[in-house]
Amino acid sequence: MKFKKYNTIKVEERRAVNKVMKSGILSNFFANKNKNFLGGKYVLKFEKECQKYFKVNHAITVNSWTSGLIAIIGSLDVRPGDEIILSPWTMSACSSAILHWGCIPIFADINEKTFNIDPNKIRSKITNKTKAIMGIDLFGQPCDMLELKKICNKHNLKFICDSAQSIGAKYKNNYSSTYADVGGYSLNFHKHINTGEGGIIITNNKKIAHKCRLIRNHAEVTVGKSNSRELVNMIGYNFRLTEIQAAIGIEQLKKLKKIIKKKIEIANYLSKNLSKLPGLEIPYLKKNRTHVYYSYPMKINSEITKIHRDKIWKMLLGEGVPVNNKIPCLHLLPMFQKQIAFGNNNYPWNKNRKYKGIYKSGTLPIAEKLSDNSILCLQMWAYDFTKKDLDKIINIFYKVWKKLELI
């Protein structure tokens, strides 16, 4: 089966790009103390629109969400050896951004229903070296924001929220990431809205915002002879968004609500029709939150089907349904299986932990079990499904279930 590729770039974005091209100013950042330190007029306008949209005090654009995560962690006064707790089910950029500053990613297991980090599994991971907790909104559903914030407040930790896949999602009445000290969204080409590559950091914390802006634009040059101890060791980079990307972002942001509405309608239609299949568990939605369905995550309950998930996955894939069958567990990647990722065995951190920096198989049983046996994701990020497409997909699910004598 062939489906139309997901594409939100239309005539509005082309017009916006043409205006920038005619101006001849494709970027207007300068890495010194002048009015252009914060970027050109389109970057500033896009950031202002994001501030308004997400109802935050500060929005800082970056050239990728990976850059955003690096800037965020660098803004939190971390030191080598500090620990940041996160989920193993996420993009590797989350852990590599932590390692970038010499900090240690500490993985906590996930909730079996939401696939997000389980607050109940975090408490035992907190040590005197813990600096922050990173909540991650996997597949488009916000993590347990208030529970994570409560834990952070109790232990005097920073709360980071990676809402890369959940732009526009809400937890209660506020947008995802706005409950955190700092968070944000990805503008990568396959997200709900995009600028090709890019990201938006959001925060209500003036100090964090200032540091993120410094790190984005060659901080060490700009800080100069500052006497502020808070600005010591401010290493910066070129994480700047171009005027072209910002102009595209302005137009994309206008479309976000409509895009989310359609994604939810698609997911609801699938859930209504697939929920009757024995052994197939449709996405679970927690109360008081919006799921924006970057992906449509399902589970195969093999205790009911008596068939391994991979057999069902292969049959669906063979019929042309675009489904993934595995989410990699970061803690089982080679870099976390070898002590070299954390330095040598003389590190105090290694002495305090029995596994000496190595995560063994079975360490996070829920994440591993779901990855190996259960998860099945329809690639909603890749295609612009019509009702006709959805009916075809639903019919194939029923066809496969009949072939397997499950109905």
Protein backbone atom coordinates (compact mmCIF):
# COMPACT_ATOMS: atom_id res chain seq x y z
CA MET A 1 0.00 0.00 0.00
CA LYS A 2 1.13 3.51 -0.76
CA PHE A 3 0.22 6.42 1.49
CA LYS A 4 0.68 10.14 0.99
CA LYS A 5 3.75 11.41 2.81
CA TYR A 6 3.12 13.76 5.71
CA ASN A 7 3.90 17.30 4.55
CA THR A 8 2.76 20.55 6.15
CA ILE A 9 4.93 22.83 4.01
CA LYS A 10 2.61 24.67 1.64
CA VAL A 11 2.34 27.98 -0.21
CA GLU A 12 2.42 30.07 3.00
CA GLU A 13 5.88 28.80 3.87
CA ARG A 14 7.13 29.31 0.32
CA ARG A 15 5.97 32.94 0.39
CA ALA A 16 7.64 33.50 3.74
CA VAL A 17 10.92 32.05 2.48
CA ASN A 18 10.78 34.23 -0.63
CA LYS A 19 10.49 37.34 1.56
CA VAL A 20 13.62 36.34 3.45
CA MET A 21 15.46 35.55 0.22
CA LYS A 22 14.58 38.95 -1.22
CA SER A 23 15.93 40.66 1.89
CA GLY A 24 19.28 38.95 1.42
CA ILE A 25 19.56 38.39 5.18
CA LEU A 26 19.51 34.64 5.72
CA SER A 27 20.81 34.90 9.27
CA ASN A 28 21.41 37.91 11.48
CA PHE A 29 23.15 36.58 14.58
CA PHE A 30 26.40 38.09 15.83
CA ALA A 31 28.43 36.58 18.66
CA ASN A 32 29.13 39.82 20.51
CA LYS A 33 27.31 42.28 22.71
CA ASN A 34 25.06 44.11 20.31
CA LYS A 35 21.40 44.10 19.28
CA ASN A 36 21.98 41.14 16.96
CA PHE A 37 23.21 38.79 19.66
CA LEU A 38 19.64 37.44 19.92
CA GLY A 39 19.19 37.01 16.17
CA GLY A 40 17.36 38.64 13.28
CA LYS A 41 13.81 39.91 13.03
CA TYR A 42 12.26 36.58 11.97
CA VAL A 43 13.97 34.66 14.77
CA LEU A 44 12.79 37.26 17.29
CA LYS A 45 9.26 37.23 15.87
CA PHE A 46 9.06 33.44 15.91
CA GLU A 47 10.24 33.33 19.51
CA LYS A 48 7.68 35.97 20.48
CA GLU A 49 4.90 33.96 18.79
CA CYS A 50 6.02 30.84 20.66
CA GLN A 51 5.99 32.73 23.96
CA LYS A 52 2.42 33.77 23.30
CA TYR A 53 1.29 30.37 22.05
CA PHE A 54 2.71 28.35 24.94
CA LYS A 55 2.11 31.13 27.50
CA VAL A 56 5.67 31.27 28.82
CA ASN A 57 8.08 34.08 29.62
CA HIS A 58 10.90 32.86 27.41
CA ALA A 59 11.15 30.94 24.12
CA ILE A 60 14.61 30.33 22.65
CA THR A 61 14.98 28.84 19.19
CA VAL A 62 17.84 26.46 18.38
CA ASN A 63 19.03 24.68 15.25
CA SER A 64 18.00 21.24 16.53
CA TRP A 65 16.35 19.77 19.59
CA THR A 66 19.60 17.96 20.37
CA SER A 67 21.21 21.40 20.56
CA GLY A 68 18.34 22.46 22.78
CA LEU A 69 18.95 19.61 25.22
CA ILE A 70 22.68 20.36 25.34
CA ALA A 71 21.95 24.04 26.04
CA ILE A 72 19.35 23.17 28.68
CA ILE A 73 21.64 20.87 30.65
CA GLY A 74 24.51 23.35 30.38
CA SER A 75 22.26 26.06 31.82
CA LEU A 76 21.64 24.12 35.06
CA ASP A 77 25.09 24.59 36.68
CA VAL A 78 25.89 20.88 36.38
CA ARG A 79 29.34 19.46 37.11
CA PRO A 80 31.04 16.27 35.88
CA GLY A 81 29.72 13.33 37.86
CA ASP A 82 26.30 14.87 38.52
CA GLU A 83 23.41 12.51 37.77
CA ILE A 84 20.26 13.12 35.75
CA ILE A 85 17.42 10.58 35.88
CA LEU A 86 15.53 9.77 32.68
CA SER A 87 13.59 7.09 30.82
CA PRO A 88 15.38 4.45 28.72
CA TRP A 89 12.65 4.84 26.08
CA THR A 90 13.65 7.96 24.20
CA MET A 91 15.93 9.28 21.50
CA SER A 92 19.64 8.80 22.26
CA ALA A 93 20.08 12.60 22.18
CA CYS A 94 18.60 12.77 25.69
CA SER A 95 21.37 10.66 27.19
CA SER A 96 24.16 11.98 24.96
CA ALA A 97 23.29 15.58 25.91
CA ILE A 98 23.78 14.54 29.55
CA LEU A 99 27.09 12.84 28.81
CA HIS A 100 28.18 15.92 26.84
CA TRP A 101 28.62 17.85 30.12
CA GLY A 102 30.32 14.95 31.91
CA CYS A 103 27.13 14.04 33.76
CA ILE A 104 25.75 10.54 34.25
CA PRO A 105 22.42 9.37 32.79
CA ILE A 106 20.54 7.28 35.35
CA PHE A 107 17.73 5.27 33.77
CA ALA A 108 14.45 4.56 35.58
CA ASP A 109 11.82 2.14 34.29
CA ILE A 110 8.65 3.15 32.46
CA ASN A 111 4.92 2.90 33.07
CA GLU A 112 3.52 -0.11 31.21
CA LYS A 113 0.45 1.79 30.01
CA THR A 114 1.74 5.25 29.07
CA PHE A 115 5.32 4.25 28.11
CA ASN A 116 6.58 7.33 29.97
CA ILE A 117 8.92 7.28 32.97
CA ASP A 118 7.27 5.88 36.10
CA PRO A 119 7.53 8.33 39.04
CA ASN A 120 7.40 5.37 41.44
CA LYS A 121 10.61 3.99 39.93
CA ILE A 122 12.50 7.28 40.29
CA ARG A 123 12.72 7.65 44.07
CA SER A 124 15.15 4.75 44.57
CA LYS A 125 17.46 6.26 41.93
CA ILE A 126 17.95 9.58 43.72
CA THR A 127 21.38 10.07 45.34
CA ASN A 128 23.34 13.02 46.68
CA LYS A 129 24.69 13.42 43.13
CA THR A 130 21.27 13.71 41.47
CA LYS A 131 20.89 17.11 39.83
CA ALA A 132 17.73 16.81 37.73
CA ILE A 133 14.94 14.59 36.44
CA MET A 134 14.15 14.55 32.74
CA GLY A 135 10.55 13.74 31.88
CA ILE A 136 9.95 12.68 28.27
CA ASP A 137 6.60 12.78 26.45
CA LEU A 138 6.85 9.63 24.38
CA PHE A 139 4.67 9.21 21.26
CA GLY A 140 2.83 12.48 22.00
CA GLN A 141 1.39 11.94 25.50
CA PRO A 142 2.65 14.17 28.35
CA CYS A 143 4.52 12.46 31.17
CA ASP A 144 3.30 12.72 34.79
CA MET A 145 4.26 16.38 35.08
CA LEU A 146 2.91 17.20 38.54
CA GLU A 147 4.18 14.00 40.14
CA LEU A 148 7.65 14.57 38.68
CA LYS A 149 7.59 18.21 39.76
CA LYS A 150 6.61 17.16 43.29
CA ILE A 151 9.59 14.78 43.47
CA CYS A 152 11.91 17.50 42.17
CA ASN A 153 10.64 20.04 44.70
CA LYS A 154 11.05 17.58 47.56
CA HIS A 155 14.67 16.79 46.68
CA ASN A 156 15.64 20.25 45.37
CA LEU A 157 16.17 18.97 41.81
CA LYS A 158 15.67 20.66 38.47
CA PHE A 159 12.82 19.37 36.31
CA ILE A 160 13.58 19.11 32.58
CA CYS A 161 10.84 18.11 30.16
CA ASP A 162 11.60 16.78 26.68
CA SER A 163 8.37 17.32 24.76
CA ALA A 164 9.99 16.76 21.37
CA GLN A 165 7.14 14.50 20.22
CA SER A 166 4.28 16.31 21.95
CA ILE A 167 4.21 19.87 20.70
CA GLY A 168 0.73 21.27 21.41
CA ALA A 169 -0.17 18.53 23.91
CA LYS A 170 -1.66 19.64 27.21
CA TYR A 171 -1.43 18.38 30.76
CA LYS A 172 -4.59 19.61 32.47
CA ASN A 173 -4.95 23.20 31.20
CA ASN A 174 -1.33 23.96 30.35
CA TYR A 175 0.95 22.96 27.52
CA SER A 176 3.40 20.14 28.02
CA SER A 177 6.82 21.32 29.27
CA THR A 178 5.40 24.47 30.88
CA TYR A 179 5.29 22.71 34.27
CA ALA A 180 9.03 22.06 34.14
CA ASP A 181 11.86 24.42 35.03
CA VAL A 182 12.80 24.16 31.37
CA GLY A 183 11.69 22.07 28.41
CA GLY A 184 10.70 22.36 24.81
CA TYR A 185 9.90 20.93 21.44
CA SER A 186 11.52 19.56 18.31
CA LEU A 187 11.04 21.12 14.87
CA ASN A 188 12.62 18.21 13.02
CA PHE A 189 11.10 17.43 9.61
CA HIS A 190 8.91 14.57 10.82
CA LYS A 191 7.37 16.34 13.81
CA HIS A 192 3.86 17.86 13.75
CA ILE A 193 5.30 21.19 12.63
CA ASN A 194 8.82 21.63 11.34
CA THR A 195 11.50 23.97 10.06
CA GLY A 196 13.50 21.12 8.54
CA GLU A 197 15.66 20.94 11.63
CA GLY A 198 15.25 23.01 14.76
CA GLY A 199 13.85 23.26 18.26
CA ILE A 200 12.24 25.60 20.79
CA ILE A 201 13.37 25.84 24.42
CA ILE A 202 10.68 27.20 26.74
CA THR A 203 11.03 28.35 30.34
CA ASN A 204 9.70 30.85 32.86
CA ASN A 205 13.10 31.00 34.57
CA LYS A 206 15.02 34.14 33.59
CA LYS A 207 18.41 32.77 34.65
CA ILE A 208 17.99 29.52 32.69
CA ALA A 209 16.78 31.45 29.62
CA HIS A 210 19.80 33.76 29.77
CA LYS A 211 22.23 30.86 29.96
CA CYS A 212 20.50 28.98 27.12
CA ARG A 213 20.82 32.09 24.93
CA LEU A 214 24.50 32.37 25.81
CA ILE A 215 25.23 28.70 25.07
CA ARG A 216 23.34 29.04 21.78
CA ASN A 217 25.63 31.81 20.58
CA HIS A 218 29.31 31.34 21.55
CA ALA A 219 28.89 32.17 25.24
CA GLU A 220 32.56 32.41 26.13
CA VAL A 221 33.02 35.32 23.72
CA THR A 222 29.95 37.21 24.89
CA VAL A 223 30.48 36.79 28.63
CA GLY A 224 33.86 38.50 28.33
CA LYS A 225 35.01 39.98 31.65
CA SER A 226 31.79 39.37 33.54
CA ASN A 227 32.30 39.21 37.31
CA SER A 228 29.29 36.95 37.79
CA ARG A 229 30.26 33.56 39.22
CA GLU A 230 27.16 32.15 37.54
CA LEU A 231 28.78 32.72 34.14
CA VAL A 232 32.05 30.90 34.84
CA ASN A 233 32.82 28.10 32.34
CA MET A 234 30.10 29.20 29.96
CA ILE A 235 31.13 27.25 26.87
CA GLY A 236 28.99 28.15 23.88
CA TYR A 237 28.25 26.85 20.42
CA ASN A 238 26.61 27.82 17.17
CA PHE A 239 23.10 26.51 17.86
CA ARG A 240 21.42 29.36 15.99
CA LEU A 241 18.30 29.10 13.83
CA THR A 242 18.37 30.86 10.45
CA GLU A 243 15.96 33.55 9.32
CA ILE A 244 14.60 31.17 6.67
CA GLN A 245 13.80 28.51 9.26
CA ALA A 246 12.23 31.07 11.60
CA ALA A 247 10.03 32.43 8.80
CA ILE A 248 8.85 28.87 8.09
CA GLY A 249 8.27 28.30 11.82
CA ILE A 250 6.01 31.35 12.09
CA GLU A 251 3.71 29.93 9.41
CA GLN A 252 3.89 26.39 10.78
CA LEU A 253 2.85 27.48 14.27
CA LYS A 254 -0.38 28.91 12.83
CA LYS A 255 -1.31 25.41 11.63
CA LEU A 256 -0.56 23.48 14.80
CA LYS A 257 -4.06 23.34 16.32
CA LYS A 258 -5.57 22.13 13.06
CA ILE A 259 -2.85 19.48 12.69
CA ILE A 260 -3.42 18.19 16.23
CA LYS A 261 -7.18 18.04 15.70
CA LYS A 262 -6.67 15.84 12.65
CA LYS A 263 -4.17 13.57 14.41
CA ILE A 264 -6.61 13.02 17.28
CA GLU A 265 -9.45 12.28 14.88
CA ILE A 266 -7.31 9.68 13.09
CA ALA A 267 -6.30 8.05 16.39
CA ASN A 268 -9.88 8.00 17.67
CA TYR A 269 -11.11 6.35 14.46
CA LEU A 270 -8.40 3.69 14.69
CA SER A 271 -9.11 3.06 18.37
CA LYS A 272 -12.85 2.72 17.80
CA ASN A 273 -12.29 0.06 15.14
CA LEU A 274 -9.25 -1.80 16.47
CA SER A 275 -10.32 -2.07 20.12
CA LYS A 276 -12.43 -5.14 19.32
CA LEU A 277 -9.42 -7.25 18.27
CA PRO A 278 -8.47 -9.73 21.01
CA GLY A 279 -4.93 -9.29 22.30
CA LEU A 280 -4.47 -5.86 20.75
CA GLU A 281 -4.31 -3.01 23.26
CA ILE A 282 -4.99 0.45 21.82
CA PRO A 283 -3.23 3.57 23.17
CA TYR A 284 -3.95 4.33 26.81
CA LEU A 285 -4.75 7.96 27.58
CA LYS A 286 -4.40 9.23 31.13
CA LYS A 287 -6.98 11.63 32.54
CA ASN A 288 -6.63 15.37 32.06
CA ARG A 289 -4.12 15.27 29.23
CA THR A 290 -4.02 15.57 25.47
CA HIS A 291 -2.33 12.92 23.34
CA VAL A 292 -1.20 14.44 20.03
CA TYR A 293 -0.19 11.09 18.48
CA TYR A 294 3.24 11.56 16.99
CA SER A 295 2.89 7.78 16.76
CA TYR A 296 -0.04 5.47 17.42
CA PRO A 297 1.38 3.02 20.01
CA MET A 298 -0.28 -0.34 20.56
CA LYS A 299 0.60 -3.45 22.54
CA ILE A 300 0.26 -7.10 21.64
CA ASN A 301 -0.78 -9.15 24.64
CA SER A 302 0.77 -12.53 23.85
CA GLU A 303 -0.94 -14.13 26.84
CA ILE A 304 -4.17 -13.69 24.89
CA THR A 305 -2.90 -14.17 21.33
CA LYS A 306 -0.46 -17.01 22.21
CA ILE A 307 1.54 -15.61 19.29
CA HIS A 308 4.73 -13.56 19.51
CA ARG A 309 4.42 -9.91 18.58
CA ASP A 310 7.01 -10.25 15.80
CA LYS A 311 4.92 -12.72 13.81
CA ILE A 312 1.98 -10.31 13.83
CA TRP A 313 4.30 -7.40 12.97
CA LYS A 314 5.74 -9.24 9.94
CA MET A 315 2.27 -10.11 8.64
CA LEU A 316 1.05 -6.49 8.96
CA LEU A 317 4.23 -5.19 7.37
CA GLY A 318 3.90 -7.71 4.56
CA GLU A 319 0.44 -6.33 3.81
CA GLY A 320 1.82 -2.78 3.60
CA VAL A 321 0.91 -1.40 7.03
CA PRO A 322 3.71 0.96 8.22
CA VAL A 323 4.36 -0.35 11.74
CA ASN A 324 7.44 -0.50 13.95
CA ASN A 325 7.96 -3.42 16.28
CA LYS A 326 10.68 -2.21 18.62
CA ILE A 327 11.73 0.76 20.69
CA PRO A 328 15.45 0.53 21.55
CA CYS A 329 16.24 0.57 25.27
CA LEU A 330 19.01 3.15 25.70
CA HIS A 331 20.47 1.45 28.76
CA LEU A 332 21.28 -1.61 26.62
CA LEU A 333 23.18 0.33 23.94
CA PRO A 334 26.91 -0.55 23.71
CA MET A 335 27.94 2.80 25.22
CA PHE A 336 26.10 1.98 28.44
CA GLN A 337 27.23 -1.64 28.53
CA LYS A 338 30.89 -0.67 28.80
CA GLN A 339 32.54 1.17 31.66
CA ILE A 340 34.36 3.47 29.25
CA ALA A 341 31.15 5.49 28.94
CA PHE A 342 31.67 6.59 32.55
CA GLY A 343 35.45 6.70 32.76
CA ASN A 344 37.50 4.22 34.75
CA ASN A 345 36.65 2.29 37.90
CA ASN A 346 38.27 4.89 40.11
CA TYR A 347 35.26 7.17 39.71
CA PRO A 348 33.45 7.47 43.07
CA TRP A 349 30.18 7.07 41.15
CA ASN A 350 31.24 3.61 40.05
CA LYS A 351 32.21 2.57 43.58
CA ASN A 352 28.78 3.56 44.86
CA ARG A 353 26.98 1.32 42.38
CA LYS A 354 27.30 -2.45 42.30
CA TYR A 355 27.19 -2.66 38.51
CA LYS A 356 30.08 -0.17 38.25
CA GLY A 357 28.51 1.82 35.47
CA ILE A 358 27.18 -1.14 33.48
CA TYR A 359 23.46 -1.67 32.87
CA LYS A 360 22.79 -5.36 32.52
CA SER A 361 19.86 -6.95 30.71
CA GLY A 362 16.95 -7.19 33.13
CA THR A 363 17.83 -3.95 34.93
CA LEU A 364 14.67 -2.23 33.65
CA PRO A 365 12.27 -5.14 33.11
CA ILE A 366 9.16 -3.27 31.93
CA ALA A 367 10.96 -1.29 29.22
CA GLU A 368 12.79 -4.42 28.06
CA LYS A 369 9.70 -6.62 28.04
CA LEU A 370 7.65 -4.11 26.05
CA SER A 371 10.47 -3.59 23.58
CA ASP A 372 11.09 -7.29 23.04
CA ASN A 373 7.54 -8.65 23.11
CA SER A 374 4.75 -6.11 23.02
CA ILE A 375 5.08 -2.69 21.39
CA LEU A 376 3.68 -2.05 17.92
CA CYS A 377 3.59 1.51 16.54
CA LEU A 378 1.74 2.83 13.51
CA GLN A 379 3.91 5.52 11.91
CA MET A 380 1.53 8.46 12.05
CA TRP A 381 4.50 10.84 11.83
CA ALA A 382 5.33 9.65 8.32
CA TYR A 383 1.98 9.72 6.50
CA ASP A 384 -1.04 11.92 5.94
CA PHE A 385 -3.70 9.22 6.30
CA THR A 386 -7.11 9.68 4.71
CA LYS A 387 -10.26 7.88 5.92
CA LYS A 388 -9.86 5.54 2.95
CA ASP A 389 -6.31 4.74 4.10
CA LEU A 390 -7.48 4.08 7.62
CA ASP A 391 -10.21 1.72 6.45
CA LYS A 392 -7.61 -0.24 4.46
CA ILE A 393 -5.33 -0.45 7.50
CA ILE A 394 -8.19 -1.56 9.76
CA ASN A 395 -9.26 -4.21 7.24
CA ILE A 396 -5.72 -5.59 7.11
CA PHE A 397 -5.60 -5.87 10.91
CA TYR A 398 -8.81 -7.90 10.79
CA LYS A 399 -7.44 -9.98 7.90
CA VAL A 400 -4.29 -10.83 9.87
CA TRP A 401 -6.28 -11.68 13.00
CA LYS A 402 -8.50 -14.00 10.94
CA LYS A 403 -5.48 -15.70 9.35
CA LEU A 404 -4.09 -16.32 12.83
CA GLU A 405 -7.50 -17.62 13.93
CA LEU A 406 -7.71 -14.98 16.66
CA ILE A 407 -11.24 -14.01 15.61
